[in-house]
Amino acid sequence: MSEINLILNILSDGKMHDIEELKLKSRINDFEITQILEFLNIFDFIEIVDYKKVKTKKIFKKIIRETSI
């Protein structure tokens, strides 16, 4: 599974997650986590709170549901 898929799999529950939790669960290094989250944020798929917590935005949750048939 690719790194971005690991992150999306964790975030797919729609709950707020600590960035540290994402690092631990995915075993992805700081640099790659930062790049993945920046990418998702640029395209407005996630919400980053206080540079510490992340969750998917409603529109992205809808896309995940529709493509997970």
PDB file of N, CA and C in Angstrom:
ATOM      1  N   MET A   1       0.854  -1.172   0.000  1.00  0.00           N
ATOM      2  CA  MET A   1       0.000   0.000   0.000  1.00  0.00           C
ATOM      3  C   MET A   1       0.905   1.242   0.000  1.00  0.00           C
ATOM      4  N   SER A   2       0.549   2.236  -0.792  1.00  0.00           N
ATOM      5  CA  SER A   2       1.349   3.461  -0.855  1.00  0.00           C
ATOM      6  C   SER A   2       1.177   4.280   0.429  1.00  0.00           C
ATOM      7  N   GLU A   3       2.102   5.194   0.635  1.00  0.00           N
ATOM      8  CA  GLU A   3       2.073   6.022   1.836  1.00  0.00           C
ATOM      9  C   GLU A   3       0.802   6.860   1.908  1.00  0.00           C
ATOM     10  N   ILE A   4       0.409   7.457   0.791  1.00  0.00           N
ATOM     11  CA  ILE A   4      -0.798   8.290   0.804  1.00  0.00           C
ATOM     12  C   ILE A   4      -2.032   7.442   1.089  1.00  0.00           C
ATOM     13  N   ASN A   5      -2.064   6.223   0.575  1.00  0.00           N
ATOM     14  CA  ASN A   5      -3.197   5.335   0.865  1.00  0.00           C
ATOM     15  C   ASN A   5      -3.254   4.965   2.344  1.00  0.00           C
ATOM     16  N   LEU A   6      -2.100   4.764   2.959  1.00  0.00           N
ATOM     17  CA  LEU A   6      -2.072   4.478   4.402  1.00  0.00           C
ATOM     18  C   LEU A   6      -2.687   5.638   5.185  1.00  0.00           C
ATOM     19  N   ILE A   7      -2.290   6.861   4.838  1.00  0.00           N
ATOM     20  CA  ILE A   7      -2.813   8.044   5.527  1.00  0.00           C
ATOM     21  C   ILE A   7      -4.309   8.183   5.282  1.00  0.00           C
ATOM     22  N   LEU A   8      -4.733   8.023   4.033  1.00  0.00           N
ATOM     23  CA  LEU A   8      -6.160   8.142   3.707  1.00  0.00           C
ATOM     24  C   LEU A   8      -6.980   7.061   4.403  1.00  0.00           C
ATOM     25  N   ASN A   9      -6.422   5.879   4.522  1.00  0.00           N
ATOM     26  CA  ASN A   9      -7.119   4.801   5.223  1.00  0.00           C
ATOM     27  C   ASN A   9      -7.359   5.171   6.691  1.00  0.00           C
ATOM     28  N   ILE A  10      -6.367   5.755   7.329  1.00  0.00           N
ATOM     29  CA  ILE A  10      -6.507   6.175   8.727  1.00  0.00           C
ATOM     30  C   ILE A  10      -7.525   7.311   8.847  1.00  0.00           C
ATOM     31  N   LEU A  11      -7.459   8.273   7.927  1.00  0.00           N
ATOM     32  CA  LEU A  11      -8.331   9.441   7.990  1.00  0.00           C
ATOM     33  C   LEU A  11      -9.757   9.166   7.523  1.00  0.00           C
ATOM     34  N   SER A  12      -9.975   8.032   6.886  1.00  0.00           N
ATOM     35  CA  SER A  12     -11.287   7.759   6.286  1.00  0.00           C
ATOM     36  C   SER A  12     -12.424   7.646   7.301  1.00  0.00           C
ATOM     37  N   ASP A  13     -12.103   7.523   8.589  1.00  0.00           N
ATOM     38  CA  ASP A  13     -13.160   7.454   9.599  1.00  0.00           C
ATOM     39  C   ASP A  13     -13.786   8.820   9.889  1.00  0.00           C
ATOM     40  N   GLY A  14     -13.161   9.892   9.356  1.00  0.00           N
ATOM     41  CA  GLY A  14     -13.714  11.232   9.520  1.00  0.00           C
ATOM     42  C   GLY A  14     -13.429  11.880  10.856  1.00  0.00           C
ATOM     43  N   LYS A  15     -12.722  11.174  11.733  1.00  0.00           N
ATOM     44  CA  LYS A  15     -12.403  11.718  13.054  1.00  0.00           C
ATOM     45  C   LYS A  15     -11.121  12.537  13.004  1.00  0.00           C
ATOM     46  N   MET A  16     -10.925  13.364  14.031  1.00  0.00           N
ATOM     47  CA  MET A  16      -9.710  14.151  14.171  1.00  0.00           C
ATOM     48  C   MET A  16      -8.588  13.222  14.629  1.00  0.00           C
ATOM     49  N   HIS A  17      -7.423  13.336  13.995  1.00  0.00           N
ATOM     50  CA  HIS A  17      -6.265  12.513  14.342  1.00  0.00           C
ATOM     51  C   HIS A  17      -5.058  13.406  14.579  1.00  0.00           C
ATOM     52  N   ASP A  18      -4.277  13.070  15.616  1.00  0.00           N
ATOM     53  CA  ASP A  18      -3.016  13.761  15.850  1.00  0.00           C
ATOM     54  C   ASP A  18      -2.041  13.371  14.748  1.00  0.00           C
ATOM     55  N   ILE A  19      -1.228  14.324  14.323  1.00  0.00           N
ATOM     56  CA  ILE A  19      -0.224  14.022  13.304  1.00  0.00           C
ATOM     57  C   ILE A  19       0.757  12.980  13.836  1.00  0.00           C
ATOM     58  N   GLU A  20       1.072  13.050  15.110  1.00  0.00           N
ATOM     59  CA  GLU A  20       1.950  12.034  15.724  1.00  0.00           C
ATOM     60  C   GLU A  20       1.329  10.645  15.621  1.00  0.00           C
ATOM     61  N   GLU A  21       0.020  10.563  15.803  1.00  0.00           N
ATOM     62  CA  GLU A  21      -0.692   9.284  15.670  1.00  0.00           C
ATOM     63  C   GLU A  21      -0.563   8.756  14.242  1.00  0.00           C
ATOM     64  N   LEU A  22      -0.697   9.644  13.251  1.00  0.00           N
ATOM     65  CA  LEU A  22      -0.538   9.229  11.858  1.00  0.00           C
ATOM     66  C   LEU A  22       0.856   8.668  11.610  1.00  0.00           C
ATOM     67  N   LYS A  23       1.855   9.320  12.182  1.00  0.00           N
ATOM     68  CA  LYS A  23       3.233   8.853  12.027  1.00  0.00           C
ATOM     69  C   LYS A  23       3.413   7.458  12.624  1.00  0.00           C
ATOM     70  N   LEU A  24       2.869   7.270  13.819  1.00  0.00           N
ATOM     71  CA  LEU A  24       3.016   5.973  14.488  1.00  0.00           C
ATOM     72  C   LEU A  24       2.270   4.854  13.763  1.00  0.00           C
ATOM     73  N   LYS A  25       1.037   5.127  13.376  1.00  0.00           N
ATOM     74  CA  LYS A  25       0.224   4.094  12.728  1.00  0.00           C
ATOM     75  C   LYS A  25       0.723   3.753  11.325  1.00  0.00           C
ATOM     76  N   SER A  26       1.240   4.741  10.615  1.00  0.00           N
ATOM     77  CA  SER A  26       1.653   4.518   9.238  1.00  0.00           C
ATOM     78  C   SER A  26       3.134   4.176   9.104  1.00  0.00           C
ATOM     79  N   ARG A  27       3.915   4.513  10.129  1.00  0.00           N
ATOM     80  CA  ARG A  27       5.365   4.326  10.110  1.00  0.00           C
ATOM     81  C   ARG A  27       6.027   5.083   8.949  1.00  0.00           C
ATOM     82  N   ILE A  28       5.466   6.236   8.645  1.00  0.00           N
ATOM     83  CA  ILE A  28       6.003   7.103   7.605  1.00  0.00           C
ATOM     84  C   ILE A  28       6.796   8.214   8.290  1.00  0.00           C
ATOM     85  N   ASN A  29       7.937   8.563   7.709  1.00  0.00           N
ATOM     86  CA  ASN A  29       8.797   9.567   8.350  1.00  0.00           C
ATOM     87  C   ASN A  29       8.185  10.972   8.278  1.00  0.00           C
ATOM     88  N   ASP A  30       8.761  11.866   9.078  1.00  0.00           N
ATOM     89  CA  ASP A  30       8.245  13.247   9.196  1.00  0.00           C
ATOM     90  C   ASP A  30       8.149  13.957   7.852  1.00  0.00           C
ATOM     91  N   PHE A  31       9.185  13.846   7.047  1.00  0.00           N
ATOM     92  CA  PHE A  31       9.222  14.541   5.762  1.00  0.00           C
ATOM     93  C   PHE A  31       8.082  14.074   4.855  1.00  0.00           C
ATOM     94  N   GLU A  32       7.899  12.760   4.739  1.00  0.00           N
ATOM     95  CA  GLU A  32       6.850  12.233   3.865  1.00  0.00           C
ATOM     96  C   GLU A  32       5.457  12.560   4.382  1.00  0.00           C
ATOM     97  N   ILE A  33       5.254  12.472   5.694  1.00  0.00           N
ATOM     98  CA  ILE A  33       3.959  12.837   6.285  1.00  0.00           C
ATOM     99  C   ILE A  33       3.643  14.298   5.961  1.00  0.00           C
ATOM    100  N   THR A  34       4.626  15.162   6.137  1.00  0.00           N
ATOM    101  CA  THR A  34       4.438  16.584   5.860  1.00  0.00           C
ATOM    102  C   THR A  34       4.057  16.808   4.403  1.00  0.00           C
ATOM    103  N   GLN A  35       4.743  16.148   3.498  1.00  0.00           N
ATOM    104  CA  GLN A  35       4.440  16.305   2.073  1.00  0.00           C
ATOM    105  C   GLN A  35       3.040  15.806   1.734  1.00  0.00           C
ATOM    106  N   ILE A  36       2.663  14.670   2.269  1.00  0.00           N
ATOM    107  CA  ILE A  36       1.330  14.107   2.001  1.00  0.00           C
ATOM    108  C   ILE A  36       0.251  15.040   2.536  1.00  0.00           C
ATOM    109  N   LEU A  37       0.416  15.512   3.770  1.00  0.00           N
ATOM    110  CA  LEU A  37      -0.585  16.397   4.364  1.00  0.00           C
ATOM    111  C   LEU A  37      -0.652  17.737   3.645  1.00  0.00           C
ATOM    112  N   GLU A  38       0.483  18.256   3.207  1.00  0.00           N
ATOM    113  CA  GLU A  38       0.473  19.501   2.434  1.00  0.00           C
ATOM    114  C   GLU A  38      -0.282  19.314   1.121  1.00  0.00           C
ATOM    115  N   PHE A  39      -0.046  18.209   0.446  1.00  0.00           N
ATOM    116  CA  PHE A  39      -0.754  17.903  -0.799  1.00  0.00           C
ATOM    117  C   PHE A  39      -2.261  17.846  -0.564  1.00  0.00           C
ATOM    118  N   LEU A  40      -2.682  17.085   0.435  1.00  0.00           N
ATOM    119  CA  LEU A  40      -4.105  16.951   0.735  1.00  0.00           C
ATOM    120  C   LEU A  40      -4.720  18.278   1.149  1.00  0.00           C
ATOM    121  N   ASN A  41      -3.948  19.109   1.848  1.00  0.00           N
ATOM    122  CA  ASN A  41      -4.431  20.414   2.271  1.00  0.00           C
ATOM    123  C   ASN A  41      -4.550  21.381   1.090  1.00  0.00           C
ATOM    124  N   ILE A  42      -3.583  21.368   0.194  1.00  0.00           N
ATOM    125  CA  ILE A  42      -3.618  22.248  -0.982  1.00  0.00           C
ATOM    126  C   ILE A  42      -4.896  22.006  -1.790  1.00  0.00           C
ATOM    127  N   PHE A  43      -5.279  20.734  -1.909  1.00  0.00           N
ATOM    128  CA  PHE A  43      -6.477  20.397  -2.677  1.00  0.00           C
ATOM    129  C   PHE A  43      -7.743  20.404  -1.825  1.00  0.00           C
ATOM    130  N   ASP A  44      -7.619  20.926  -0.594  1.00  0.00           N
ATOM    131  CA  ASP A  44      -8.752  21.145   0.300  1.00  0.00           C
ATOM    132  C   ASP A  44      -9.467  19.850   0.703  1.00  0.00           C
ATOM    133  N   PHE A  45      -8.696  18.753   0.799  1.00  0.00           N
ATOM    134  CA  PHE A  45      -9.264  17.472   1.204  1.00  0.00           C
ATOM    135  C   PHE A  45      -9.252  17.273   2.710  1.00  0.00           C
ATOM    136  N   ILE A  46      -8.354  17.996   3.392  1.00  0.00           N
ATOM    137  CA  ILE A  46      -8.234  17.836   4.841  1.00  0.00           C
ATOM    138  C   ILE A  46      -8.258  19.190   5.530  1.00  0.00           C
ATOM    139  N   GLU A  47      -8.508  19.127   6.816  1.00  0.00           N
ATOM    140  CA  GLU A  47      -8.453  20.300   7.686  1.00  0.00           C
ATOM    141  C   GLU A  47      -7.337  20.052   8.691  1.00  0.00           C
ATOM    142  N   ILE A  48      -6.404  20.986   8.798  1.00  0.00           N
ATOM    143  CA  ILE A  48      -5.315  20.884   9.771  1.00  0.00           C
ATOM    144  C   ILE A  48      -5.583  21.911  10.865  1.00  0.00           C
ATOM    145  N   VAL A  49      -5.604  21.446  12.108  1.00  0.00           N
ATOM    146  CA  VAL A  49      -5.904  22.307  13.250  1.00  0.00           C
ATOM    147  C   VAL A  49      -4.641  22.466  14.096  1.00  0.00           C
ATOM    148  N   ASP A  50      -4.225  23.704  14.285  1.00  0.00           N
ATOM    149  CA  ASP A  50      -3.069  24.034  15.128  1.00  0.00           C
ATOM    150  C   ASP A  50      -1.799  23.270  14.742  1.00  0.00           C
ATOM    151  N   TYR A  51      -1.661  22.901  13.496  1.00  0.00           N
ATOM    152  CA  TYR A  51      -0.499  22.163  12.995  1.00  0.00           C
ATOM    153  C   TYR A  51      -0.268  20.848  13.743  1.00  0.00           C
ATOM    154  N   LYS A  52      -1.294  20.354  14.437  1.00  0.00           N
ATOM    155  CA  LYS A  52      -1.128  19.147  15.234  1.00  0.00           C
ATOM    156  C   LYS A  52      -2.169  18.078  14.934  1.00  0.00           C
ATOM    157  N   LYS A  53      -3.342  18.492  14.478  1.00  0.00           N
ATOM    158  CA  LYS A  53      -4.437  17.541  14.269  1.00  0.00           C
ATOM    159  C   LYS A  53      -4.961  17.667  12.840  1.00  0.00           C
ATOM    160  N   VAL A  54      -5.472  16.552  12.339  1.00  0.00           N
ATOM    161  CA  VAL A  54      -5.932  16.491  10.955  1.00  0.00           C
ATOM    162  C   VAL A  54      -7.224  15.686  10.876  1.00  0.00           C
ATOM    163  N   LYS A  55      -8.122  16.115   9.985  1.00  0.00           N
ATOM    164  CA  LYS A  55      -9.284  15.308   9.653  1.00  0.00           C
ATOM    165  C   LYS A  55      -9.705  15.622   8.231  1.00  0.00           C
ATOM    166  N   THR A  56     -10.434  14.701   7.624  1.00  0.00           N
ATOM    167  CA  THR A  56     -10.895  14.930   6.265  1.00  0.00           C
ATOM    168  C   THR A  56     -12.064  15.893   6.276  1.00  0.00           C
ATOM    169  N   LYS A  57     -12.190  16.643   5.187  1.00  0.00           N
ATOM    170  CA  LYS A  57     -13.319  17.554   5.037  1.00  0.00           C
ATOM    171  C   LYS A  57     -14.514  16.782   4.490  1.00  0.00           C
ATOM    172  N   LYS A  58     -15.704  17.331   4.677  1.00  0.00           N
ATOM    173  CA  LYS A  58     -16.935  16.642   4.280  1.00  0.00           C
ATOM    174  C   LYS A  58     -16.935  16.241   2.816  1.00  0.00           C
ATOM    175  N   ILE A  59     -16.482  17.116   1.934  1.00  0.00           N
ATOM    176  CA  ILE A  59     -16.496  16.805   0.507  1.00  0.00           C
ATOM    177  C   ILE A  59     -15.600  15.613   0.208  1.00  0.00           C
ATOM    178  N   PHE A  60     -14.474  15.526   0.887  1.00  0.00           N
ATOM    179  CA  PHE A  60     -13.570  14.409   0.655  1.00  0.00           C
ATOM    180  C   PHE A  60     -14.154  13.113   1.205  1.00  0.00           C
ATOM    181  N   LYS A  61     -14.847  13.190   2.337  1.00  0.00           N
ATOM    182  CA  LYS A  61     -15.516  11.999   2.876  1.00  0.00           C
ATOM    183  C   LYS A  61     -16.534  11.485   1.877  1.00  0.00           C
ATOM    184  N   LYS A  62     -17.229  12.403   1.204  1.00  0.00           N
ATOM    185  CA  LYS A  62     -18.219  12.012   0.195  1.00  0.00           C
ATOM    186  C   LYS A  62     -17.533  11.317  -0.969  1.00  0.00           C
ATOM    187  N   ILE A  63     -16.400  11.838  -1.409  1.00  0.00           N
ATOM    188  CA  ILE A  63     -15.653  11.214  -2.503  1.00  0.00           C
ATOM    189  C   ILE A  63     -15.199   9.816  -2.104  1.00  0.00           C
ATOM    190  N   ILE A  64     -14.704   9.664  -0.889  1.00  0.00           N
ATOM    191  CA  ILE A  64     -14.255   8.354  -0.404  1.00  0.00           C
ATOM    192  C   ILE A  64     -15.424   7.365  -0.411  1.00  0.00           C
ATOM    193  N   ARG A  65     -16.580   7.783   0.094  1.00  0.00           N
ATOM    194  CA  ARG A  65     -17.763   6.900   0.120  1.00  0.00           C
ATOM    195  C   ARG A  65     -18.169   6.479  -1.286  1.00  0.00           C
ATOM    196  N   GLU A  66     -18.194   7.437  -2.207  1.00  0.00           N
ATOM    197  CA  GLU A  66     -18.660   7.157  -3.559  1.00  0.00           C
ATOM    198  C   GLU A  66     -17.697   6.268  -4.336  1.00  0.00           C
ATOM    199  N   THR A  67     -16.424   6.311  -4.015  1.00  0.00           N
ATOM    200  CA  THR A  67     -15.444   5.494  -4.734  1.00  0.00           C
ATOM    201  C   THR A  67     -15.136   4.183  -4.025  1.00  0.00           C
ATOM    202  N   SER A  68     -15.746   3.949  -2.880  1.00  0.00           N
ATOM    203  CA  SER A  68     -15.503   2.725  -2.110  1.00  0.00           C
ATOM    204  C   SER A  68     -16.638   1.729  -2.280  1.00  0.00           C
ATOM    205  N   ILE A  69     -17.141   1.624  -3.469  1.00  0.00           N
ATOM    206  CA  ILE A  69     -18.273   0.732  -3.726  1.00  0.00           C
ATOM    207  C   ILE A  69     -17.811  -0.696  -3.820  1.00  0.00           C
TER     208      ILE A  69
END
